[in-house]
PDB file of N, CA and C in Angstrom:
ATOM      1  N   MET A   1       0.823  -1.193   0.000  1.00  0.00           N
ATOM      2  CA  MET A   1       0.000   0.000   0.000  1.00  0.00           C
ATOM      3  C   MET A   1       0.864   1.253   0.000  1.00  0.00           C
ATOM      4  N   ALA A   2       1.880   1.281   0.848  1.00  0.00           N
ATOM      5  CA  ALA A   2       2.755   2.456   0.904  1.00  0.00           C
ATOM      6  C   ALA A   2       3.564   2.593  -0.371  1.00  0.00           C
ATOM      7  N   ALA A   3       3.957   1.468  -0.969  1.00  0.00           N
ATOM      8  CA  ALA A   3       4.727   1.523  -2.214  1.00  0.00           C
ATOM      9  C   ALA A   3       3.869   2.073  -3.349  1.00  0.00           C
ATOM     10  N   ALA A   4       2.609   1.703  -3.378  1.00  0.00           N
ATOM     11  CA  ALA A   4       1.710   2.209  -4.411  1.00  0.00           C
ATOM     12  C   ALA A   4       1.479   3.713  -4.235  1.00  0.00           C
ATOM     13  N   PHE A   5       1.336   4.142  -2.982  1.00  0.00           N
ATOM     14  CA  PHE A   5       1.180   5.574  -2.726  1.00  0.00           C
ATOM     15  C   PHE A   5       2.416   6.339  -3.169  1.00  0.00           C
ATOM     16  N   ALA A   6       3.602   5.821  -2.829  1.00  0.00           N
ATOM     17  CA  ALA A   6       4.851   6.493  -3.201  1.00  0.00           C
ATOM     18  C   ALA A   6       5.002   6.569  -4.717  1.00  0.00           C
ATOM     19  N   ALA A   7       4.662   5.488  -5.421  1.00  0.00           N
ATOM     20  CA  ALA A   7       4.755   5.484  -6.883  1.00  0.00           C
ATOM     21  C   ALA A   7       3.775   6.481  -7.487  1.00  0.00           C
ATOM     22  N   ASN A   8       2.560   6.521  -6.979  1.00  0.00           N
ATOM     23  CA  ASN A   8       1.568   7.470  -7.494  1.00  0.00           C
ATOM     24  C   ASN A   8       1.955   8.910  -7.188  1.00  0.00           C
ATOM     25  N   PHE A   9       2.503   9.155  -6.005  1.00  0.00           N
ATOM     26  CA  PHE A   9       2.941  10.499  -5.653  1.00  0.00           C
ATOM     27  C   PHE A   9       4.091  10.944  -6.546  1.00  0.00           C
ATOM     28  N   LEU A  10       5.063  10.063  -6.766  1.00  0.00           N
ATOM     29  CA  LEU A  10       6.184  10.376  -7.654  1.00  0.00           C
ATOM     30  C   LEU A  10       5.695  10.626  -9.077  1.00  0.00           C
ATOM     31  N   ARG A  11       4.755   9.820  -9.524  1.00  0.00           N
ATOM     32  CA  ARG A  11       4.172  10.012 -10.864  1.00  0.00           C
ATOM     33  C   ARG A  11       3.501  11.382 -10.954  1.00  0.00           C
ATOM     34  N   PHE A  12       2.755  11.757  -9.928  1.00  0.00           N
ATOM     35  CA  PHE A  12       2.085  13.060  -9.907  1.00  0.00           C
ATOM     36  C   PHE A  12       3.091  14.206  -9.975  1.00  0.00           C
ATOM     37  N   VAL A  13       4.157  14.120  -9.184  1.00  0.00           N
ATOM     38  CA  VAL A  13       5.174  15.176  -9.150  1.00  0.00           C
ATOM     39  C   VAL A  13       5.872  15.280 -10.505  1.00  0.00           C
ATOM     40  N   LEU A  14       6.210  14.152 -11.097  1.00  0.00           N
ATOM     41  CA  LEU A  14       6.895  14.168 -12.389  1.00  0.00           C
ATOM     42  C   LEU A  14       6.011  14.714 -13.506  1.00  0.00           C
ATOM     43  N   VAL A  15       4.750  14.331 -13.509  1.00  0.00           N
ATOM     44  CA  VAL A  15       3.829  14.846 -14.535  1.00  0.00           C
ATOM     45  C   VAL A  15       3.607  16.347 -14.335  1.00  0.00           C
ATOM     46  N   ALA A  16       3.514  16.791 -13.086  1.00  0.00           N
ATOM     47  CA  ALA A  16       3.376  18.230 -12.822  1.00  0.00           C
ATOM     48  C   ALA A  16       4.609  18.987 -13.302  1.00  0.00           C
ATOM     49  N   LEU A  17       5.792  18.441 -13.093  1.00  0.00           N
ATOM     50  CA  LEU A  17       7.020  19.069 -13.576  1.00  0.00           C
ATOM     51  C   LEU A  17       7.054  19.091 -15.099  1.00  0.00           C
ATOM     52  N   GLU A  18       6.619  18.013 -15.706  1.00  0.00           N
ATOM     53  CA  GLU A  18       6.557  17.944 -17.167  1.00  0.00           C
ATOM     54  C   GLU A  18       5.610  19.019 -17.719  1.00  0.00           C
ATOM     55  N   LEU A  19       4.466  19.173 -17.099  1.00  0.00           N
ATOM     56  CA  LEU A  19       3.519  20.203 -17.528  1.00  0.00           C
ATOM     57  C   LEU A  19       4.075  21.608 -17.304  1.00  0.00           C
ATOM     58  N   ALA A  20       4.817  21.811 -16.227  1.00  0.00           N
ATOM     59  CA  ALA A  20       5.430  23.113 -15.977  1.00  0.00           C
ATOM     60  C   ALA A  20       6.476  23.432 -17.041  1.00  0.00           C
ATOM     61  N   ILE A  21       7.248  22.440 -17.457  1.00  0.00           N
ATOM     62  CA  ILE A  21       8.244  22.651 -18.508  1.00  0.00           C
ATOM     63  C   ILE A  21       7.564  22.964 -19.829  1.00  0.00           C
ATOM     64  N   ILE A  22       6.515  22.238 -20.151  1.00  0.00           N
ATOM     65  CA  ILE A  22       5.773  22.509 -21.386  1.00  0.00           C
ATOM     66  C   ILE A  22       5.131  23.893 -21.322  1.00  0.00           C
ATOM     67  N   GLY A  23       4.605  24.260 -20.172  1.00  0.00           N
ATOM     68  CA  GLY A  23       4.048  25.601 -20.002  1.00  0.00           C
ATOM     69  C   GLY A  23       5.104  26.675 -20.177  1.00  0.00           C
ATOM     70  N   ARG A  24       6.293  26.414 -19.676  1.00  0.00           N
ATOM     71  CA  ARG A  24       7.383  27.385 -19.845  1.00  0.00           C
ATOM     72  C   ARG A  24       7.762  27.527 -21.313  1.00  0.00           C
ATOM     73  N   ILE A  25       7.783  26.423 -22.039  1.00  0.00           N
ATOM     74  CA  ILE A  25       8.089  26.476 -23.473  1.00  0.00           C
ATOM     75  C   ILE A  25       7.032  27.296 -24.202  1.00  0.00           C
ATOM     76  N   LEU A  26       5.775  27.000 -23.941  1.00  0.00           N
ATOM     77  CA  LEU A  26       4.692  27.717 -24.621  1.00  0.00           C
ATOM     78  C   LEU A  26       4.683  29.194 -24.250  1.00  0.00           C
ATOM     79  N   LEU A  27       4.925  29.482 -22.993  1.00  0.00           N
ATOM     80  CA  LEU A  27       4.936  30.873 -22.548  1.00  0.00           C
ATOM     81  C   LEU A  27       6.107  31.646 -23.139  1.00  0.00           C
ATOM     82  N   SER A  28       7.201  30.969 -23.415  1.00  0.00           N
ATOM     83  CA  SER A  28       8.355  31.656 -24.014  1.00  0.00           C
ATOM     84  C   SER A  28       8.051  32.111 -25.440  1.00  0.00           C
ATOM     85  N   TRP A  29       7.110  31.474 -26.105  1.00  0.00           N
ATOM     86  CA  TRP A  29       6.715  31.916 -27.449  1.00  0.00           C
ATOM     87  C   TRP A  29       5.810  33.133 -27.366  1.00  0.00           C
ATOM     88  N   VAL A  30       4.971  33.195 -26.335  1.00  0.00           N
ATOM     89  CA  VAL A  30       4.019  34.289 -26.186  1.00  0.00           C
ATOM     90  C   VAL A  30       4.685  35.498 -25.534  1.00  0.00           C
ATOM     91  N   GLU A  31       5.453  35.238 -24.495  1.00  0.00           N
ATOM     92  CA  GLU A  31       6.105  36.307 -23.744  1.00  0.00           C
ATOM     93  C   GLU A  31       7.584  35.954 -23.555  1.00  0.00           C
ATOM     94  N   PRO A  32       8.408  36.253 -24.563  1.00  0.00           N
ATOM     95  CA  PRO A  32       9.801  35.799 -24.512  1.00  0.00           C
ATOM     96  C   PRO A  32      10.639  36.415 -23.390  1.00  0.00           C
ATOM     97  N   ARG A  33      10.270  37.576 -22.907  1.00  0.00           N
ATOM     98  CA  ARG A  33      11.067  38.204 -21.844  1.00  0.00           C
ATOM     99  C   ARG A  33      10.744  37.647 -20.466  1.00  0.00           C
ATOM    100  N   GLY A  34       9.603  37.021 -20.318  1.00  0.00           N
ATOM    101  CA  GLY A  34       9.243  36.371 -19.065  1.00  0.00           C
ATOM    102  C   GLY A  34       9.068  37.300 -17.893  1.00  0.00           C
ATOM    103  N   ARG A  35       8.386  38.398 -18.105  1.00  0.00           N
ATOM    104  CA  ARG A  35       8.217  39.381 -17.022  1.00  0.00           C
ATOM    105  C   ARG A  35       6.985  39.135 -16.156  1.00  0.00           C
ATOM    106  N   SER A  36       6.066  38.311 -16.610  1.00  0.00           N
ATOM    107  CA  SER A  36       4.849  38.096 -15.824  1.00  0.00           C
ATOM    108  C   SER A  36       5.148  37.221 -14.609  1.00  0.00           C
ATOM    109  N   SER A  37       4.245  37.242 -13.669  1.00  0.00           N
ATOM    110  CA  SER A  37       4.436  36.435 -12.458  1.00  0.00           C
ATOM    111  C   SER A  37       4.347  34.938 -12.772  1.00  0.00           C
ATOM    112  N   VAL A  38       3.521  34.570 -13.749  1.00  0.00           N
ATOM    113  CA  VAL A  38       3.416  33.161 -14.143  1.00  0.00           C
ATOM    114  C   VAL A  38       4.736  32.691 -14.739  1.00  0.00           C
ATOM    115  N   ALA A  39       5.310  33.507 -15.612  1.00  0.00           N
ATOM    116  CA  ALA A  39       6.585  33.146 -16.235  1.00  0.00           C
ATOM    117  C   ALA A  39       7.687  33.035 -15.182  1.00  0.00           C
ATOM    118  N   GLN A  40       7.721  33.942 -14.250  1.00  0.00           N
ATOM    119  CA  GLN A  40       8.734  33.896 -13.201  1.00  0.00           C
ATOM    120  C   GLN A  40       8.561  32.664 -12.315  1.00  0.00           C
ATOM    121  N   PHE A  41       7.310  32.305 -12.042  1.00  0.00           N
ATOM    122  CA  PHE A  41       7.040  31.103 -11.252  1.00  0.00           C
ATOM    123  C   PHE A  41       7.527  29.851 -11.991  1.00  0.00           C
ATOM    124  N   LEU A  42       7.228  29.768 -13.291  1.00  0.00           N
ATOM    125  CA  LEU A  42       7.641  28.601 -14.066  1.00  0.00           C
ATOM    126  C   LEU A  42       9.163  28.515 -14.180  1.00  0.00           C
ATOM    127  N   VAL A  43       9.822  29.645 -14.321  1.00  0.00           N
ATOM    128  CA  VAL A  43      11.288  29.645 -14.370  1.00  0.00           C
ATOM    129  C   VAL A  43      11.850  29.183 -13.038  1.00  0.00           C
ATOM    130  N   THR A  44      11.311  29.683 -11.953  1.00  0.00           N
ATOM    131  CA  THR A  44      11.771  29.284 -10.621  1.00  0.00           C
ATOM    132  C   THR A  44      11.564  27.795 -10.381  1.00  0.00           C
ATOM    133  N   LEU A  45      10.467  27.262 -10.877  1.00  0.00           N
ATOM    134  CA  LEU A  45      10.131  25.858 -10.672  1.00  0.00           C
ATOM    135  C   LEU A  45      10.973  24.931 -11.546  1.00  0.00           C
ATOM    136  N   THR A  46      11.244  25.321 -12.780  1.00  0.00           N
ATOM    137  CA  THR A  46      11.884  24.406 -13.726  1.00  0.00           C
ATOM    138  C   THR A  46      13.384  24.601 -13.886  1.00  0.00           C
ATOM    139  N   GLU A  47      13.907  25.749 -13.545  1.00  0.00           N
ATOM    140  CA  GLU A  47      15.329  26.017 -13.786  1.00  0.00           C
ATOM    141  C   GLU A  47      16.267  25.069 -13.042  1.00  0.00           C
ATOM    142  N   PRO A  48      15.971  24.646 -11.806  1.00  0.00           N
ATOM    143  CA  PRO A  48      16.875  23.687 -11.147  1.00  0.00           C
ATOM    144  C   PRO A  48      16.999  22.358 -11.897  1.00  0.00           C
ATOM    145  N   VAL A  49      16.006  22.005 -12.681  1.00  0.00           N
ATOM    146  CA  VAL A  49      16.062  20.767 -13.454  1.00  0.00           C
ATOM    147  C   VAL A  49      16.731  21.006 -14.811  1.00  0.00           C
ATOM    148  N   LEU A  50      16.457  22.146 -15.420  1.00  0.00           N
ATOM    149  CA  LEU A  50      16.968  22.423 -16.758  1.00  0.00           C
ATOM    150  C   LEU A  50      18.427  22.872 -16.772  1.00  0.00           C
ATOM    151  N   ALA A  51      18.874  23.594 -15.770  1.00  0.00           N
ATOM    152  CA  ALA A  51      20.224  24.159 -15.763  1.00  0.00           C
ATOM    153  C   ALA A  51      21.331  23.099 -15.867  1.00  0.00           C
ATOM    154  N   PRO A  52      21.273  22.001 -15.121  1.00  0.00           N
ATOM    155  CA  PRO A  52      22.344  21.001 -15.267  1.00  0.00           C
ATOM    156  C   PRO A  52      22.403  20.398 -16.671  1.00  0.00           C
ATOM    157  N   VAL A  53      21.259  20.227 -17.306  1.00  0.00           N
ATOM    158  CA  VAL A  53      21.247  19.671 -18.658  1.00  0.00           C
ATOM    159  C   VAL A  53      21.834  20.679 -19.639  1.00  0.00           C
ATOM    160  N   ARG A  54      21.540  21.948 -19.445  1.00  0.00           N
ATOM    161  CA  ARG A  54      22.105  22.990 -20.316  1.00  0.00           C
ATOM    162  C   ARG A  54      23.625  23.045 -20.218  1.00  0.00           C
ATOM    163  N   ARG A  55      24.155  22.821 -19.030  1.00  0.00           N
ATOM    164  CA  ARG A  55      25.614  22.852 -18.860  1.00  0.00           C
ATOM    165  C   ARG A  55      26.294  21.719 -19.617  1.00  0.00           C
ATOM    166  N   VAL A  56      25.614  20.587 -19.740  1.00  0.00           N
ATOM    167  CA  VAL A  56      26.189  19.422 -20.403  1.00  0.00           C
ATOM    168  C   VAL A  56      26.067  19.526 -21.925  1.00  0.00           C
ATOM    169  N   LEU A  57      24.965  20.089 -22.412  1.00  0.00           N
ATOM    170  CA  LEU A  57      24.735  20.166 -23.853  1.00  0.00           C
ATOM    171  C   LEU A  57      25.669  21.185 -24.510  1.00  0.00           C
ATOM    172  N   PRO A  58      26.090  20.899 -25.745  1.00  0.00           N
ATOM    173  CA  PRO A  58      26.887  21.905 -26.463  1.00  0.00           C
ATOM    174  C   PRO A  58      26.005  23.062 -26.914  1.00  0.00           C
ATOM    175  N   ALA A  59      26.620  24.196 -27.192  1.00  0.00           N
ATOM    176  CA  ALA A  59      25.885  25.377 -27.654  1.00  0.00           C
ATOM    177  C   ALA A  59      25.276  25.087 -29.029  1.00  0.00           C
ATOM    178  N   THR A  60      24.006  25.431 -29.189  1.00  0.00           N
ATOM    179  CA  THR A  60      23.311  25.165 -30.449  1.00  0.00           C
ATOM    180  C   THR A  60      22.714  26.435 -31.032  1.00  0.00           C
ATOM    181  N   GLY A  61      23.343  27.549 -30.811  1.00  0.00           N
ATOM    182  CA  GLY A  61      22.792  28.799 -31.329  1.00  0.00           C
ATOM    183  C   GLY A  61      21.661  29.268 -30.442  1.00  0.00           C
ATOM    184  N   GLY A  62      20.505  29.534 -31.038  1.00  0.00           N
ATOM    185  CA  GLY A  62      19.368  30.039 -30.286  1.00  0.00           C
ATOM    186  C   GLY A  62      18.419  28.972 -29.796  1.00  0.00           C
ATOM    187  N   LEU A  63      18.698  27.709 -30.064  1.00  0.00           N
ATOM    188  CA  LEU A  63      17.790  26.635 -29.666  1.00  0.00           C
ATOM    189  C   LEU A  63      18.212  26.027 -28.333  1.00  0.00           C
ATOM    190  N   ASP A  64      17.223  25.765 -27.505  1.00  0.00           N
ATOM    191  CA  ASP A  64      17.460  25.151 -26.201  1.00  0.00           C
ATOM    192  C   ASP A  64      16.832  23.762 -26.214  1.00  0.00           C
ATOM    193  N   PHE A  65      17.660  22.747 -26.243  1.00  0.00           N
ATOM    194  CA  PHE A  65      17.174  21.373 -26.284  1.00  0.00           C
ATOM    195  C   PHE A  65      16.984  20.765 -24.895  1.00  0.00           C
ATOM    196  N   ALA A  66      17.351  21.474 -23.841  1.00  0.00           N
ATOM    197  CA  ALA A  66      17.234  20.944 -22.483  1.00  0.00           C
ATOM    198  C   ALA A  66      15.792  20.580 -22.112  1.00  0.00           C
ATOM    199  N   PRO A  67      14.784  21.432 -22.399  1.00  0.00           N
ATOM    200  CA  PRO A  67      13.418  21.031 -22.051  1.00  0.00           C
ATOM    201  C   PRO A  67      12.966  19.764 -22.789  1.00  0.00           C
ATOM    202  N   PHE A  68      13.361  19.636 -24.045  1.00  0.00           N
ATOM    203  CA  PHE A  68      12.999  18.453 -24.829  1.00  0.00           C
ATOM    204  C   PHE A  68      13.585  17.197 -24.192  1.00  0.00           C
ATOM    205  N   ILE A  69      14.837  17.259 -23.806  1.00  0.00           N
ATOM    206  CA  ILE A  69      15.503  16.103 -23.194  1.00  0.00           C
ATOM    207  C   ILE A  69      14.867  15.764 -21.851  1.00  0.00           C
ATOM    208  N   ILE A  70      14.568  16.762 -21.049  1.00  0.00           N
ATOM    209  CA  ILE A  70      13.966  16.519 -19.734  1.00  0.00           C
ATOM    210  C   ILE A  70      12.566  15.929 -19.873  1.00  0.00           C
ATOM    211  N   VAL A  71      11.768  16.440 -20.821  1.00  0.00           N
ATOM    212  CA  VAL A  71      10.413  15.908 -21.012  1.00  0.00           C
ATOM    213  C   VAL A  71      10.479  14.442 -21.442  1.00  0.00           C
ATOM    214  N   ILE A  72      11.405  14.107 -22.325  1.00  0.00           N
ATOM    215  CA  ILE A  72      11.560  12.706 -22.739  1.00  0.00           C
ATOM    216  C   ILE A  72      12.007  11.852 -21.558  1.00  0.00           C
ATOM    217  N   LEU A  73      12.933  12.347 -20.763  1.00  0.00           N
ATOM    218  CA  LEU A  73      13.419  11.611 -19.593  1.00  0.00           C
ATOM    219  C   LEU A  73      12.310  11.399 -18.563  1.00  0.00           C
ATOM    220  N   ILE A  74      11.540  12.438 -18.302  1.00  0.00           N
ATOM    221  CA  ILE A  74      10.427  12.312 -17.348  1.00  0.00           C
ATOM    222  C   ILE A  74       9.390  11.318 -17.867  1.00  0.00           C
ATOM    223  N   GLY A  75       9.062  11.399 -19.149  1.00  0.00           N
ATOM    224  CA  GLY A  75       8.108  10.449 -19.727  1.00  0.00           C
ATOM    225  C   GLY A  75       8.580   9.016 -19.600  1.00  0.00           C
ATOM    226  N   THR A  76       9.869   8.795 -19.806  1.00  0.00           N
ATOM    227  CA  THR A  76      10.428   7.448 -19.666  1.00  0.00           C
ATOM    228  C   THR A  76      10.335   6.962 -18.223  1.00  0.00           C
ATOM    229  N   ILE A  77      10.665   7.833 -17.276  1.00  0.00           N
ATOM    230  CA  ILE A  77      10.604   7.439 -15.868  1.00  0.00           C
ATOM    231  C   ILE A  77       9.171   7.137 -15.452  1.00  0.00           C
ATOM    232  N   VAL A  78       8.213   7.968 -15.887  1.00  0.00           N
ATOM    233  CA  VAL A  78       6.809   7.751 -15.519  1.00  0.00           C
ATOM    234  C   VAL A  78       6.311   6.426 -16.080  1.00  0.00           C
ATOM    235  N   ARG A  79       6.711   6.089 -17.285  1.00  0.00           N
ATOM    236  CA  ARG A  79       6.271   4.822 -17.882  1.00  0.00           C
ATOM    237  C   ARG A  79       6.932   3.607 -17.228  1.00  0.00           C
ATOM    238  N   MET A  80       8.073   3.796 -16.600  1.00  0.00           N
ATOM    239  CA  MET A  80       8.748   2.698 -15.937  1.00  0.00           C
ATOM    240  C   MET A  80       8.224   2.445 -14.522  1.00  0.00           C
ATOM    241  N   LEU A  81       7.509   3.405 -13.962  1.00  0.00           N
ATOM    242  CA  LEU A  81       6.965   3.227 -12.612  1.00  0.00           C
ATOM    243  C   LEU A  81       5.892   2.146 -12.615  1.00  0.00           C
ATOM    244  N   PRO A  82       5.815   1.386 -11.528  1.00  0.00           N
ATOM    245  CA  PRO A  82       4.800   0.319 -11.474  1.00  0.00           C
ATOM    246  C   PRO A  82       3.394   0.859 -11.362  1.00  0.00           C
TER     247      PRO A  82
END
């Protein structure tokens, strides 16, 4: 019972993080400067996850592949959970 709760809680947290990253991507197209409170909240929430991946990836000009990699990684982890 406790293992099922822990797996469901982890799944919930990961899906919420995935949605926050997707929201940040979509918001960057609408408001690229990120001055709104929603944009600042999403940056605060997702940057600790995205920053380490950005440091590892090579420079690709203006494209940021870190959110794409994290979303794929989160999706893989969620599908592997029991």
